[in-house]
Amino acid sequence: MPYIDGFVMAVPKENKQEFVEYARLMDSLIMDFGALRVMECWEDEVNPGEKTDFQRAVSVEEDEAIVFSWVEWPDKETRQKGHEQMQELMKSGDERFKQDKTPAPFDGSRMIFGGFTPALSLP
């Protein structure tokens, strides 16, 4: 059964191109580790809610955009192995994970993420 990693983050609007380049690098690694598909979605129509919303979830600031992303894995086991491989690269000192060499163009401390098992899937 497929397994989904979901992410929501606030990215400075002026960093859109840097975000796309950073995502292309990181997402290619994720694909190498077995992901079937990765989607990076830049806000288009993200309205504030009355009780909760994307903006409050990631403490978005006025000059930031909401990014909604997901990774589709063939199954949870492949996802776990992929995450372990990424952790090993980070521990090994891989340049792609060094903040001074490849800085994330957003504040990762405000990113929300989680793993999900699909409850319904339509073509």
PDB file of N, CA and C in Angstrom:
ATOM      1  N   MET A   1       0.848  -1.178   0.000  1.00  0.00           N
ATOM      2  CA  MET A   1       0.000   0.000   0.000  1.00  0.00           C
ATOM      3  C   MET A   1       0.892   1.239   0.000  1.00  0.00           C
ATOM      4  N   PRO A   2       0.573   2.239  -0.817  1.00  0.00           N
ATOM      5  CA  PRO A   2       1.387   3.457  -0.854  1.00  0.00           C
ATOM      6  C   PRO A   2       1.463   4.129   0.516  1.00  0.00           C
ATOM      7  N   TYR A   3       2.506   4.909   0.691  1.00  0.00           N
ATOM      8  CA  TYR A   3       2.696   5.674   1.916  1.00  0.00           C
ATOM      9  C   TYR A   3       3.068   7.088   1.503  1.00  0.00           C
ATOM     10  N   ILE A   4       2.528   8.078   2.213  1.00  0.00           N
ATOM     11  CA  ILE A   4       2.706   9.488   1.845  1.00  0.00           C
ATOM     12  C   ILE A   4       3.370  10.253   2.978  1.00  0.00           C
ATOM     13  N   ASP A   5       4.406  11.014   2.644  1.00  0.00           N
ATOM     14  CA  ASP A   5       4.967  12.016   3.554  1.00  0.00           C
ATOM     15  C   ASP A   5       4.403  13.353   3.107  1.00  0.00           C
ATOM     16  N   GLY A   6       3.846  14.116   4.049  1.00  0.00           N
ATOM     17  CA  GLY A   6       3.285  15.422   3.720  1.00  0.00           C
ATOM     18  C   GLY A   6       4.013  16.528   4.463  1.00  0.00           C
ATOM     19  N   PHE A   7       4.118  17.699   3.823  1.00  0.00           N
ATOM     20  CA  PHE A   7       4.852  18.835   4.377  1.00  0.00           C
ATOM     21  C   PHE A   7       4.117  20.139   4.075  1.00  0.00           C
ATOM     22  N   VAL A   8       4.172  21.065   5.024  1.00  0.00           N
ATOM     23  CA  VAL A   8       3.706  22.434   4.796  1.00  0.00           C
ATOM     24  C   VAL A   8       4.770  23.340   5.389  1.00  0.00           C
ATOM     25  N   MET A   9       5.170  24.361   4.617  1.00  0.00           N
ATOM     26  CA  MET A   9       6.212  25.275   5.089  1.00  0.00           C
ATOM     27  C   MET A   9       5.967  26.676   4.556  1.00  0.00           C
ATOM     28  N   ALA A  10       6.567  27.648   5.230  1.00  0.00           N
ATOM     29  CA  ALA A  10       6.540  29.038   4.785  1.00  0.00           C
ATOM     30  C   ALA A  10       7.884  29.354   4.149  1.00  0.00           C
ATOM     31  N   VAL A  11       7.844  29.887   2.934  1.00  0.00           N
ATOM     32  CA  VAL A  11       9.075  30.199   2.201  1.00  0.00           C
ATOM     33  C   VAL A  11       9.023  31.672   1.788  1.00  0.00           C
ATOM     34  N   PRO A  12      10.076  32.422   2.044  1.00  0.00           N
ATOM     35  CA  PRO A  12      10.091  33.814   1.583  1.00  0.00           C
ATOM     36  C   PRO A  12       9.793  33.872   0.075  1.00  0.00           C
ATOM     37  N   LYS A  13       8.870  34.747  -0.288  1.00  0.00           N
ATOM     38  CA  LYS A  13       8.481  34.851  -1.700  1.00  0.00           C
ATOM     39  C   LYS A  13       9.670  35.132  -2.600  1.00  0.00           C
ATOM     40  N   GLU A  14      10.608  35.914  -2.118  1.00  0.00           N
ATOM     41  CA  GLU A  14      11.790  36.232  -2.925  1.00  0.00           C
ATOM     42  C   GLU A  14      12.702  35.021  -3.127  1.00  0.00           C
ATOM     43  N   ASN A  15      12.481  33.948  -2.377  1.00  0.00           N
ATOM     44  CA  ASN A  15      13.306  32.743  -2.477  1.00  0.00           C
ATOM     45  C   ASN A  15      12.665  31.649  -3.318  1.00  0.00           C
ATOM     46  N   LYS A  16      11.662  31.987  -4.109  1.00  0.00           N
ATOM     47  CA  LYS A  16      10.957  30.946  -4.863  1.00  0.00           C
ATOM     48  C   LYS A  16      11.912  30.140  -5.745  1.00  0.00           C
ATOM     49  N   GLN A  17      12.746  30.806  -6.526  1.00  0.00           N
ATOM     50  CA  GLN A  17      13.657  30.083  -7.415  1.00  0.00           C
ATOM     51  C   GLN A  17      14.664  29.261  -6.617  1.00  0.00           C
ATOM     52  N   GLU A  18      15.177  29.825  -5.523  1.00  0.00           N
ATOM     53  CA  GLU A  18      16.111  29.077  -4.678  1.00  0.00           C
ATOM     54  C   GLU A  18      15.432  27.849  -4.089  1.00  0.00           C
ATOM     55  N   PHE A  19      14.148  28.006  -3.704  1.00  0.00           N
ATOM     56  CA  PHE A  19      13.402  26.871  -3.175  1.00  0.00           C
ATOM     57  C   PHE A  19      13.276  25.779  -4.236  1.00  0.00           C
ATOM     58  N   VAL A  20      12.931  26.162  -5.454  1.00  0.00           N
ATOM     59  CA  VAL A  20      12.776  25.173  -6.531  1.00  0.00           C
ATOM     60  C   VAL A  20      14.090  24.431  -6.762  1.00  0.00           C
ATOM     61  N   GLU A  21      15.198  25.150  -6.772  1.00  0.00           N
ATOM     62  CA  GLU A  21      16.508  24.516  -6.976  1.00  0.00           C
ATOM     63  C   GLU A  21      16.864  23.593  -5.809  1.00  0.00           C
ATOM     64  N   TYR A  22      16.601  24.054  -4.585  1.00  0.00           N
ATOM     65  CA  TYR A  22      16.864  23.237  -3.398  1.00  0.00           C
ATOM     66  C   TYR A  22      15.983  21.978  -3.426  1.00  0.00           C
ATOM     67  N   ALA A  23      14.713  22.154  -3.741  1.00  0.00           N
ATOM     68  CA  ALA A  23      13.792  21.016  -3.802  1.00  0.00           C
ATOM     69  C   ALA A  23      14.214  20.033  -4.885  1.00  0.00           C
ATOM     70  N   ARG A  24      14.657  20.544  -6.023  1.00  0.00           N
ATOM     71  CA  ARG A  24      15.094  19.655  -7.110  1.00  0.00           C
ATOM     72  C   ARG A  24      16.262  18.766  -6.630  1.00  0.00           C
ATOM     73  N   LEU A  25      17.196  19.345  -5.900  1.00  0.00           N
ATOM     74  CA  LEU A  25      18.330  18.587  -5.370  1.00  0.00           C
ATOM     75  C   LEU A  25      17.863  17.540  -4.358  1.00  0.00           C
ATOM     76  N   MET A  26      17.092  17.983  -3.356  1.00  0.00           N
ATOM     77  CA  MET A  26      16.656  17.065  -2.299  1.00  0.00           C
ATOM     78  C   MET A  26      15.673  16.022  -2.830  1.00  0.00           C
ATOM     79  N   ASP A  27      14.782  16.441  -3.709  1.00  0.00           N
ATOM     80  CA  ASP A  27      13.784  15.512  -4.236  1.00  0.00           C
ATOM     81  C   ASP A  27      14.418  14.449  -5.129  1.00  0.00           C
ATOM     82  N   SER A  28      15.494  14.803  -5.822  1.00  0.00           N
ATOM     83  CA  SER A  28      16.175  13.794  -6.643  1.00  0.00           C
ATOM     84  C   SER A  28      16.786  12.712  -5.747  1.00  0.00           C
ATOM     85  N   LEU A  29      17.280  13.108  -4.571  1.00  0.00           N
ATOM     86  CA  LEU A  29      17.775  12.111  -3.608  1.00  0.00           C
ATOM     87  C   LEU A  29      16.638  11.210  -3.147  1.00  0.00           C
ATOM     88  N   ILE A  30      15.517  11.822  -2.827  1.00  0.00           N
ATOM     89  CA  ILE A  30      14.353  11.058  -2.361  1.00  0.00           C
ATOM     90  C   ILE A  30      13.926  10.048  -3.425  1.00  0.00           C
ATOM     91  N   MET A  31      13.938  10.485  -4.678  1.00  0.00           N
ATOM     92  CA  MET A  31      13.571   9.575  -5.764  1.00  0.00           C
ATOM     93  C   MET A  31      14.606   8.438  -5.879  1.00  0.00           C
ATOM     94  N   ASP A  32      15.890   8.755  -5.694  1.00  0.00           N
ATOM     95  CA  ASP A  32      16.925   7.723  -5.724  1.00  0.00           C
ATOM     96  C   ASP A  32      16.724   6.687  -4.624  1.00  0.00           C
ATOM     97  N   PHE A  33      16.094   7.100  -3.522  1.00  0.00           N
ATOM     98  CA  PHE A  33      15.871   6.193  -2.394  1.00  0.00           C
ATOM     99  C   PHE A  33      14.542   5.457  -2.481  1.00  0.00           C
ATOM    100  N   GLY A  34      13.849   5.566  -3.615  1.00  0.00           N
ATOM    101  CA  GLY A  34      12.666   4.734  -3.816  1.00  0.00           C
ATOM    102  C   GLY A  34      11.335   5.436  -3.900  1.00  0.00           C
ATOM    103  N   ALA A  35      11.291   6.753  -3.745  1.00  0.00           N
ATOM    104  CA  ALA A  35      10.009   7.457  -3.865  1.00  0.00           C
ATOM    105  C   ALA A  35       9.490   7.329  -5.294  1.00  0.00           C
ATOM    106  N   LEU A  36       8.170   7.272  -5.415  1.00  0.00           N
ATOM    107  CA  LEU A  36       7.545   7.168  -6.729  1.00  0.00           C
ATOM    108  C   LEU A  36       7.285   8.540  -7.344  1.00  0.00           C
ATOM    109  N   ARG A  37       7.002   9.515  -6.477  1.00  0.00           N
ATOM    110  CA  ARG A  37       6.606  10.835  -6.959  1.00  0.00           C
ATOM    111  C   ARG A  37       6.805  11.854  -5.857  1.00  0.00           C
ATOM    112  N   VAL A  38       7.209  13.056  -6.243  1.00  0.00           N
ATOM    113  CA  VAL A  38       7.334  14.163  -5.300  1.00  0.00           C
ATOM    114  C   VAL A  38       6.632  15.367  -5.919  1.00  0.00           C
ATOM    115  N   MET A  39       5.829  16.042  -5.129  1.00  0.00           N
ATOM    116  CA  MET A  39       5.143  17.256  -5.587  1.00  0.00           C
ATOM    117  C   MET A  39       5.516  18.405  -4.669  1.00  0.00           C
ATOM    118  N   GLU A  40       5.891  19.530  -5.273  1.00  0.00           N
ATOM    119  CA  GLU A  40       6.188  20.761  -4.550  1.00  0.00           C
ATOM    120  C   GLU A  40       5.207  21.800  -5.082  1.00  0.00           C
ATOM    121  N   CYS A  41       4.322  22.283  -4.242  1.00  0.00           N
ATOM    122  CA  CYS A  41       3.256  23.185  -4.692  1.00  0.00           C
ATOM    123  C   CYS A  41       3.372  24.541  -4.018  1.00  0.00           C
ATOM    124  N   TRP A  42       3.506  25.591  -4.828  1.00  0.00           N
ATOM    125  CA  TRP A  42       3.609  26.967  -4.357  1.00  0.00           C
ATOM    126  C   TRP A  42       2.199  27.528  -4.230  1.00  0.00           C
ATOM    127  N   GLU A  43       1.931  28.259  -3.171  1.00  0.00           N
ATOM    128  CA  GLU A  43       0.575  28.764  -2.929  1.00  0.00           C
ATOM    129  C   GLU A  43       0.024  29.521  -4.131  1.00  0.00           C
ATOM    130  N   ASP A  44      -1.260  29.337  -4.336  1.00  0.00           N
ATOM    131  CA  ASP A  44      -1.980  30.055  -5.378  1.00  0.00           C
ATOM    132  C   ASP A  44      -3.232  30.677  -4.783  1.00  0.00           C
ATOM    133  N   GLU A  45      -4.008  29.853  -4.103  1.00  0.00           N
ATOM    134  CA  GLU A  45      -5.241  30.320  -3.475  1.00  0.00           C
ATOM    135  C   GLU A  45      -5.313  29.695  -2.085  1.00  0.00           C
ATOM    136  N   VAL A  46      -4.725  30.359  -1.112  1.00  0.00           N
ATOM    137  CA  VAL A  46      -4.652  29.847   0.255  1.00  0.00           C
ATOM    138  C   VAL A  46      -5.247  30.919   1.161  1.00  0.00           C
ATOM    139  N   ASN A  47      -6.524  30.784   1.423  1.00  0.00           N
ATOM    140  CA  ASN A  47      -7.236  31.797   2.199  1.00  0.00           C
ATOM    141  C   ASN A  47      -7.135  31.548   3.692  1.00  0.00           C
ATOM    142  N   PRO A  48      -7.140  32.624   4.470  1.00  0.00           N
ATOM    143  CA  PRO A  48      -7.138  32.456   5.932  1.00  0.00           C
ATOM    144  C   PRO A  48      -8.461  31.848   6.401  1.00  0.00           C
ATOM    145  N   GLY A  49      -8.366  31.024   7.434  1.00  0.00           N
ATOM    146  CA  GLY A  49      -9.561  30.421   8.002  1.00  0.00           C
ATOM    147  C   GLY A  49     -10.016  31.166   9.239  1.00  0.00           C
ATOM    148  N   GLU A  50     -11.151  30.760   9.784  1.00  0.00           N
ATOM    149  CA  GLU A  50     -11.660  31.397  10.993  1.00  0.00           C
ATOM    150  C   GLU A  50     -11.047  30.806  12.252  1.00  0.00           C
ATOM    151  N   LYS A  51     -10.817  29.487  12.263  1.00  0.00           N
ATOM    152  CA  LYS A  51     -10.249  28.837  13.448  1.00  0.00           C
ATOM    153  C   LYS A  51      -8.819  28.363  13.212  1.00  0.00           C
ATOM    154  N   THR A  52      -8.593  27.732  12.083  1.00  0.00           N
ATOM    155  CA  THR A  52      -7.253  27.251  11.742  1.00  0.00           C
ATOM    156  C   THR A  52      -7.002  27.507  10.258  1.00  0.00           C
ATOM    157  N   ASP A  53      -5.751  27.494   9.872  1.00  0.00           N
ATOM    158  CA  ASP A  53      -5.404  27.642   8.459  1.00  0.00           C
ATOM    159  C   ASP A  53      -3.935  27.320   8.262  1.00  0.00           C
ATOM    160  N   PHE A  54      -3.526  27.272   7.008  1.00  0.00           N
ATOM    161  CA  PHE A  54      -2.128  27.003   6.696  1.00  0.00           C
ATOM    162  C   PHE A  54      -1.220  28.094   7.251  1.00  0.00           C
ATOM    163  N   GLN A  55      -1.650  29.343   7.162  1.00  0.00           N
ATOM    164  CA  GLN A  55      -0.823  30.455   7.616  1.00  0.00           C
ATOM    165  C   GLN A  55      -0.450  30.313   9.094  1.00  0.00           C
ATOM    166  N   ARG A  56      -1.432  30.028   9.927  1.00  0.00           N
ATOM    167  CA  ARG A  56      -1.153  29.886  11.358  1.00  0.00           C
ATOM    168  C   ARG A  56      -0.373  28.611  11.653  1.00  0.00           C
ATOM    169  N   ALA A  57      -0.589  27.586  10.865  1.00  0.00           N
ATOM    170  CA  ALA A  57       0.097  26.313  11.110  1.00  0.00           C
ATOM    171  C   ALA A  57       1.613  26.456  11.031  1.00  0.00           C
ATOM    172  N   VAL A  58       2.087  27.352  10.152  1.00  0.00           N
ATOM    173  CA  VAL A  58       3.535  27.518   9.977  1.00  0.00           C
ATOM    174  C   VAL A  58       3.999  28.936  10.311  1.00  0.00           C
ATOM    175  N   SER A  59       3.155  29.687  11.006  1.00  0.00           N
ATOM    176  CA  SER A  59       3.490  31.066  11.417  1.00  0.00           C
ATOM    177  C   SER A  59       4.014  31.890  10.242  1.00  0.00           C
ATOM    178  N   VAL A  60       3.256  31.884   9.146  1.00  0.00           N
ATOM    179  CA  VAL A  60       3.682  32.594   7.942  1.00  0.00           C
ATOM    180  C   VAL A  60       3.779  34.097   8.208  1.00  0.00           C
ATOM    181  N   GLU A  61       4.788  34.705   7.621  1.00  0.00           N
ATOM    182  CA  GLU A  61       4.978  36.150   7.713  1.00  0.00           C
ATOM    183  C   GLU A  61       4.521  36.786   6.403  1.00  0.00           C
ATOM    184  N   GLU A  62       4.330  38.086   6.402  1.00  0.00           N
ATOM    185  CA  GLU A  62       3.737  38.776   5.259  1.00  0.00           C
ATOM    186  C   GLU A  62       4.489  38.558   3.947  1.00  0.00           C
ATOM    187  N   ASP A  63       5.791  38.432   4.013  1.00  0.00           N
ATOM    188  CA  ASP A  63       6.597  38.286   2.795  1.00  0.00           C
ATOM    189  C   ASP A  63       6.845  36.821   2.424  1.00  0.00           C
ATOM    190  N   GLU A  64       6.048  35.902   2.992  1.00  0.00           N
ATOM    191  CA  GLU A  64       6.249  34.478   2.752  1.00  0.00           C
ATOM    192  C   GLU A  64       5.058  33.853   2.033  1.00  0.00           C
ATOM    193  N   ALA A  65       5.343  32.770   1.332  1.00  0.00           N
ATOM    194  CA  ALA A  65       4.323  31.980   0.654  1.00  0.00           C
ATOM    195  C   ALA A  65       4.230  30.612   1.325  1.00  0.00           C
ATOM    196  N   ILE A  66       3.074  30.002   1.207  1.00  0.00           N
ATOM    197  CA  ILE A  66       2.868  28.653   1.725  1.00  0.00           C
ATOM    198  C   ILE A  66       3.273  27.657   0.639  1.00  0.00           C
ATOM    199  N   VAL A  67       4.046  26.650   1.031  1.00  0.00           N
ATOM    200  CA  VAL A  67       4.394  25.549   0.137  1.00  0.00           C
ATOM    201  C   VAL A  67       3.813  24.279   0.740  1.00  0.00           C
ATOM    202  N   PHE A  68       3.107  23.534  -0.082  1.00  0.00           N
ATOM    203  CA  PHE A  68       2.495  22.266   0.309  1.00  0.00           C
ATOM    204  C   PHE A  68       3.155  21.194  -0.550  1.00  0.00           C
ATOM    205  N   SER A  69       3.737  20.203   0.101  1.00  0.00           N
ATOM    206  CA  SER A  69       4.502  19.187  -0.631  1.00  0.00           C
ATOM    207  C   SER A  69       4.133  17.793  -0.146  1.00  0.00           C
ATOM    208  N   TRP A  70       4.340  16.835  -1.023  1.00  0.00           N
ATOM    209  CA  TRP A  70       4.194  15.459  -0.588  1.00  0.00           C
ATOM    210  C   TRP A  70       5.103  14.546  -1.386  1.00  0.00           C
ATOM    211  N   VAL A  71       5.423  13.433  -0.743  1.00  0.00           N
ATOM    212  CA  VAL A  71       6.241  12.389  -1.355  1.00  0.00           C
ATOM    213  C   VAL A  71       5.412  11.114  -1.322  1.00  0.00           C
ATOM    214  N   GLU A  72       5.284  10.484  -2.475  1.00  0.00           N
ATOM    215  CA  GLU A  72       4.567   9.218  -2.546  1.00  0.00           C
ATOM    216  C   GLU A  72       5.578   8.082  -2.631  1.00  0.00           C
ATOM    217  N   TRP A  73       5.481   7.177  -1.684  1.00  0.00           N
ATOM    218  CA  TRP A  73       6.345   5.997  -1.621  1.00  0.00           C
ATOM    219  C   TRP A  73       5.525   4.767  -1.998  1.00  0.00           C
ATOM    220  N   PRO A  74       6.161   3.706  -2.490  1.00  0.00           N
ATOM    221  CA  PRO A  74       5.396   2.492  -2.810  1.00  0.00           C
ATOM    222  C   PRO A  74       4.788   1.831  -1.569  1.00  0.00           C
ATOM    223  N   ASP A  75       5.479   1.996  -0.415  1.00  0.00           N
ATOM    224  CA  ASP A  75       4.993   1.418   0.833  1.00  0.00           C
ATOM    225  C   ASP A  75       5.784   2.031   1.987  1.00  0.00           C
ATOM    226  N   LYS A  76       5.325   1.772   3.197  1.00  0.00           N
ATOM    227  CA  LYS A  76       5.983   2.351   4.373  1.00  0.00           C
ATOM    228  C   LYS A  76       7.400   1.802   4.546  1.00  0.00           C
ATOM    229  N   GLU A  77       7.607   0.541   4.226  1.00  0.00           N
ATOM    230  CA  GLU A  77       8.941  -0.054   4.376  1.00  0.00           C
ATOM    231  C   GLU A  77       9.964   0.667   3.491  1.00  0.00           C
ATOM    232  N   THR A  78       9.609   0.959   2.248  1.00  0.00           N
ATOM    233  CA  THR A  78      10.518   1.679   1.348  1.00  0.00           C
ATOM    234  C   THR A  78      10.786   3.077   1.892  1.00  0.00           C
ATOM    235  N   ARG A  79       9.755   3.699   2.432  1.00  0.00           N
ATOM    236  CA  ARG A  79       9.916   5.036   3.027  1.00  0.00           C
ATOM    237  C   ARG A  79      10.887   4.983   4.195  1.00  0.00           C
ATOM    238  N   GLN A  80      10.727   3.997   5.066  1.00  0.00           N
ATOM    239  CA  GLN A  80      11.619   3.868   6.223  1.00  0.00           C
ATOM    240  C   GLN A  80      13.069   3.683   5.772  1.00  0.00           C
ATOM    241  N   LYS A  81      13.274   2.833   4.779  1.00  0.00           N
ATOM    242  CA  LYS A  81      14.629   2.607   4.261  1.00  0.00           C
ATOM    243  C   LYS A  81      15.185   3.882   3.634  1.00  0.00           C
ATOM    244  N   GLY A  82      14.353   4.600   2.905  1.00  0.00           N
ATOM    245  CA  GLY A  82      14.786   5.858   2.304  1.00  0.00           C
ATOM    246  C   GLY A  82      15.184   6.873   3.346  1.00  0.00           C
ATOM    247  N   HIS A  83      14.397   6.979   4.412  1.00  0.00           N
ATOM    248  CA  HIS A  83      14.731   7.902   5.498  1.00  0.00           C
ATOM    249  C   HIS A  83      16.047   7.501   6.172  1.00  0.00           C
ATOM    250  N   GLU A  84      16.232   6.208   6.367  1.00  0.00           N
ATOM    251  CA  GLU A  84      17.482   5.730   6.976  1.00  0.00           C
ATOM    252  C   GLU A  84      18.682   6.067   6.090  1.00  0.00           C
ATOM    253  N   GLN A  85      18.541   5.910   4.782  1.00  0.00           N
ATOM    254  CA  GLN A  85      19.627   6.239   3.862  1.00  0.00           C
ATOM    255  C   GLN A  85      19.953   7.737   3.925  1.00  0.00           C
ATOM    256  N   MET A  86      18.928   8.572   4.003  1.00  0.00           N
ATOM    257  CA  MET A  86      19.168  10.014   4.109  1.00  0.00           C
ATOM    258  C   MET A  86      19.866  10.354   5.420  1.00  0.00           C
ATOM    259  N   GLN A  87      19.462   9.725   6.504  1.00  0.00           N
ATOM    260  CA  GLN A  87      20.112   9.949   7.793  1.00  0.00           C
ATOM    261  C   GLN A  87      21.592   9.567   7.724  1.00  0.00           C
ATOM    262  N   GLU A  88      21.874   8.471   7.062  1.00  0.00           N
ATOM    263  CA  GLU A  88      23.273   8.035   6.916  1.00  0.00           C
ATOM    264  C   GLU A  88      24.082   9.064   6.124  1.00  0.00           C
ATOM    265  N   LEU A  89      23.484   9.601   5.064  1.00  0.00           N
ATOM    266  CA  LEU A  89      24.184  10.641   4.296  1.00  0.00           C
ATOM    267  C   LEU A  89      24.462  11.869   5.156  1.00  0.00           C
ATOM    268  N   MET A  90      23.474  12.259   5.968  1.00  0.00           N
ATOM    269  CA  MET A  90      23.653  13.416   6.843  1.00  0.00           C
ATOM    270  C   MET A  90      24.792  13.170   7.833  1.00  0.00           C
ATOM    271  N   LYS A  91      24.796  11.987   8.429  1.00  0.00           N
ATOM    272  CA  LYS A  91      25.830  11.638   9.409  1.00  0.00           C
ATOM    273  C   LYS A  91      27.217  11.551   8.774  1.00  0.00           C
ATOM    274  N   SER A  92      27.252  11.162   7.515  1.00  0.00           N
ATOM    275  CA  SER A  92      28.543  10.992   6.832  1.00  0.00           C
ATOM    276  C   SER A  92      29.160  12.318   6.411  1.00  0.00           C
ATOM    277  N   GLY A  93      28.408  13.402   6.575  1.00  0.00           N
ATOM    278  CA  GLY A  93      28.943  14.706   6.201  1.00  0.00           C
ATOM    279  C   GLY A  93      28.717  15.060   4.740  1.00  0.00           C
ATOM    280  N   ASP A  94      27.787  14.394   4.092  1.00  0.00           N
ATOM    281  CA  ASP A  94      27.478  14.680   2.690  1.00  0.00           C
ATOM    282  C   ASP A  94      27.230  16.184   2.503  1.00  0.00           C
ATOM    283  N   GLU A  95      27.904  16.771   1.534  1.00  0.00           N
ATOM    284  CA  GLU A  95      27.849  18.218   1.275  1.00  0.00           C
ATOM    285  C   GLU A  95      26.420  18.729   1.077  1.00  0.00           C
ATOM    286  N   ARG A  96      25.551  17.916   0.493  1.00  0.00           N
ATOM    287  CA  ARG A  96      24.177  18.348   0.206  1.00  0.00           C
ATOM    288  C   ARG A  96      23.369  18.638   1.459  1.00  0.00           C
ATOM    289  N   PHE A  97      23.840  18.144   2.597  1.00  0.00           N
ATOM    290  CA  PHE A  97      23.118  18.350   3.850  1.00  0.00           C
ATOM    291  C   PHE A  97      23.789  19.361   4.768  1.00  0.00           C
ATOM    292  N   LYS A  98      24.861  19.969   4.329  1.00  0.00           N
ATOM    293  CA  LYS A  98      25.557  20.973   5.142  1.00  0.00           C
ATOM    294  C   LYS A  98      24.923  22.338   4.898  1.00  0.00           C
ATOM    295  N   GLN A  99      24.453  22.953   5.970  1.00  0.00           N
ATOM    296  CA  GLN A  99      23.760  24.238   5.854  1.00  0.00           C
ATOM    297  C   GLN A  99      24.632  25.336   5.251  1.00  0.00           C
ATOM    298  N   ASP A 100      25.936  25.283   5.472  1.00  0.00           N
ATOM    299  CA  ASP A 100      26.794  26.317   4.894  1.00  0.00           C
ATOM    300  C   ASP A 100      27.022  26.093   3.399  1.00  0.00           C
ATOM    301  N   LYS A 101      26.862  24.873   2.915  1.00  0.00           N
ATOM    302  CA  LYS A 101      27.053  24.554   1.498  1.00  0.00           C
ATOM    303  C   LYS A 101      25.738  24.583   0.718  1.00  0.00           C
ATOM    304  N   THR A 102      24.686  24.037   1.320  1.00  0.00           N
ATOM    305  CA  THR A 102      23.381  23.947   0.681  1.00  0.00           C
ATOM    306  C   THR A 102      22.319  24.408   1.677  1.00  0.00           C
ATOM    307  N   PRO A 103      22.242  25.716   1.918  1.00  0.00           N
ATOM    308  CA  PRO A 103      21.278  26.195   2.916  1.00  0.00           C
ATOM    309  C   PRO A 103      19.832  26.073   2.439  1.00  0.00           C
ATOM    310  N   ALA A 104      18.969  25.661   3.335  1.00  0.00           N
ATOM    311  CA  ALA A 104      17.540  25.618   3.018  1.00  0.00           C
ATOM    312  C   ALA A 104      17.043  27.060   2.890  1.00  0.00           C
ATOM    313  N   PRO A 105      16.299  27.372   1.839  1.00  0.00           N
ATOM    314  CA  PRO A 105      15.832  28.743   1.637  1.00  0.00           C
ATOM    315  C   PRO A 105      14.539  29.051   2.400  1.00  0.00           C
ATOM    316  N   PHE A 106      14.372  28.432   3.561  1.00  0.00           N
ATOM    317  CA  PHE A 106      13.194  28.643   4.401  1.00  0.00           C
ATOM    318  C   PHE A 106      13.553  28.265   5.828  1.00  0.00           C
ATOM    319  N   ASP A 107      12.687  28.635   6.757  1.00  0.00           N
ATOM    320  CA  ASP A 107      12.892  28.330   8.173  1.00  0.00           C
ATOM    321  C   ASP A 107      12.304  26.949   8.476  1.00  0.00           C
ATOM    322  N   GLY A 108      13.162  25.952   8.498  1.00  0.00           N
ATOM    323  CA  GLY A 108      12.707  24.584   8.724  1.00  0.00           C
ATOM    324  C   GLY A 108      12.075  24.346  10.083  1.00  0.00           C
ATOM    325  N   SER A 109      12.328  25.226  11.048  1.00  0.00           N
ATOM    326  CA  SER A 109      11.736  25.038  12.378  1.00  0.00           C
ATOM    327  C   SER A 109      10.229  25.281  12.367  1.00  0.00           C
ATOM    328  N   ARG A 110       9.721  25.927  11.314  1.00  0.00           N
ATOM    329  CA  ARG A 110       8.274  26.171  11.216  1.00  0.00           C
ATOM    330  C   ARG A 110       7.589  25.230  10.233  1.00  0.00           C
ATOM    331  N   MET A 111       8.319  24.267   9.698  1.00  0.00           N
ATOM    332  CA  MET A 111       7.734  23.300   8.776  1.00  0.00           C
ATOM    333  C   MET A 111       6.955  22.261   9.581  1.00  0.00           C
ATOM    334  N   ILE A 112       5.799  21.873   9.074  1.00  0.00           N
ATOM    335  CA  ILE A 112       5.071  20.761   9.682  1.00  0.00           C
ATOM    336  C   ILE A 112       5.111  19.596   8.695  1.00  0.00           C
ATOM    337  N   PHE A 113       5.159  18.387   9.230  1.00  0.00           N
ATOM    338  CA  PHE A 113       5.276  17.215   8.360  1.00  0.00           C
ATOM    339  C   PHE A 113       4.767  15.990   9.091  1.00  0.00           C
ATOM    340  N   GLY A 114       4.473  14.967   8.325  1.00  0.00           N
ATOM    341  CA  GLY A 114       4.042  13.711   8.909  1.00  0.00           C
ATOM    342  C   GLY A 114       3.895  12.640   7.850  1.00  0.00           C
ATOM    343  N   GLY A 115       3.762  11.399   8.298  1.00  0.00           N
ATOM    344  CA  GLY A 115       3.557  10.262   7.411  1.00  0.00           C
ATOM    345  C   GLY A 115       2.103   9.824   7.448  1.00  0.00           C
ATOM    346  N   PHE A 116       1.594   9.435   6.281  1.00  0.00           N
ATOM    347  CA  PHE A 116       0.166   9.135   6.152  1.00  0.00           C
ATOM    348  C   PHE A 116      -0.074   7.863   5.359  1.00  0.00           C
ATOM    349  N   THR A 117      -1.048   7.087   5.826  1.00  0.00           N
ATOM    350  CA  THR A 117      -1.521   5.931   5.095  1.00  0.00           C
ATOM    351  C   THR A 117      -2.797   6.333   4.369  1.00  0.00           C
ATOM    352  N   PRO A 118      -2.863   6.149   3.045  1.00  0.00           N
ATOM    353  CA  PRO A 118      -4.067   6.549   2.316  1.00  0.00           C
ATOM    354  C   PRO A 118      -5.312   5.816   2.835  1.00  0.00           C
ATOM    355  N   ALA A 119      -6.390   6.571   2.979  1.00  0.00           N
ATOM    356  CA  ALA A 119      -7.671   6.003   3.380  1.00  0.00           C
ATOM    357  C   ALA A 119      -8.570   5.798   2.161  1.00  0.00           C
ATOM    358  N   LEU A 120      -8.303   6.546   1.102  1.00  0.00           N
ATOM    359  CA  LEU A 120      -9.071   6.439  -0.150  1.00  0.00           C
ATOM    360  C   LEU A 120      -8.185   6.951  -1.263  1.00  0.00           C
ATOM    361  N   SER A 121      -8.203   6.269  -2.393  1.00  0.00           N
ATOM    362  CA  SER A 121      -7.436   6.705  -3.554  1.00  0.00           C
ATOM    363  C   SER A 121      -8.297   6.505  -4.793  1.00  0.00           C
ATOM    364  N   LEU A 122      -8.502   7.576  -5.554  1.00  0.00           N
ATOM    365  CA  LEU A 122      -9.240   7.508  -6.799  1.00  0.00           C
ATOM    366  C   LEU A 122      -8.292   7.853  -7.937  1.00  0.00           C
ATOM    367  N   PRO A 123      -8.508   7.280  -9.113  1.00  0.00           N
ATOM    368  CA  PRO A 123      -7.605   7.590 -10.229  1.00  0.00           C
ATOM    369  C   PRO A 123      -7.587   9.061 -10.594  1.00  0.00           C
TER     370      PRO A 123
END
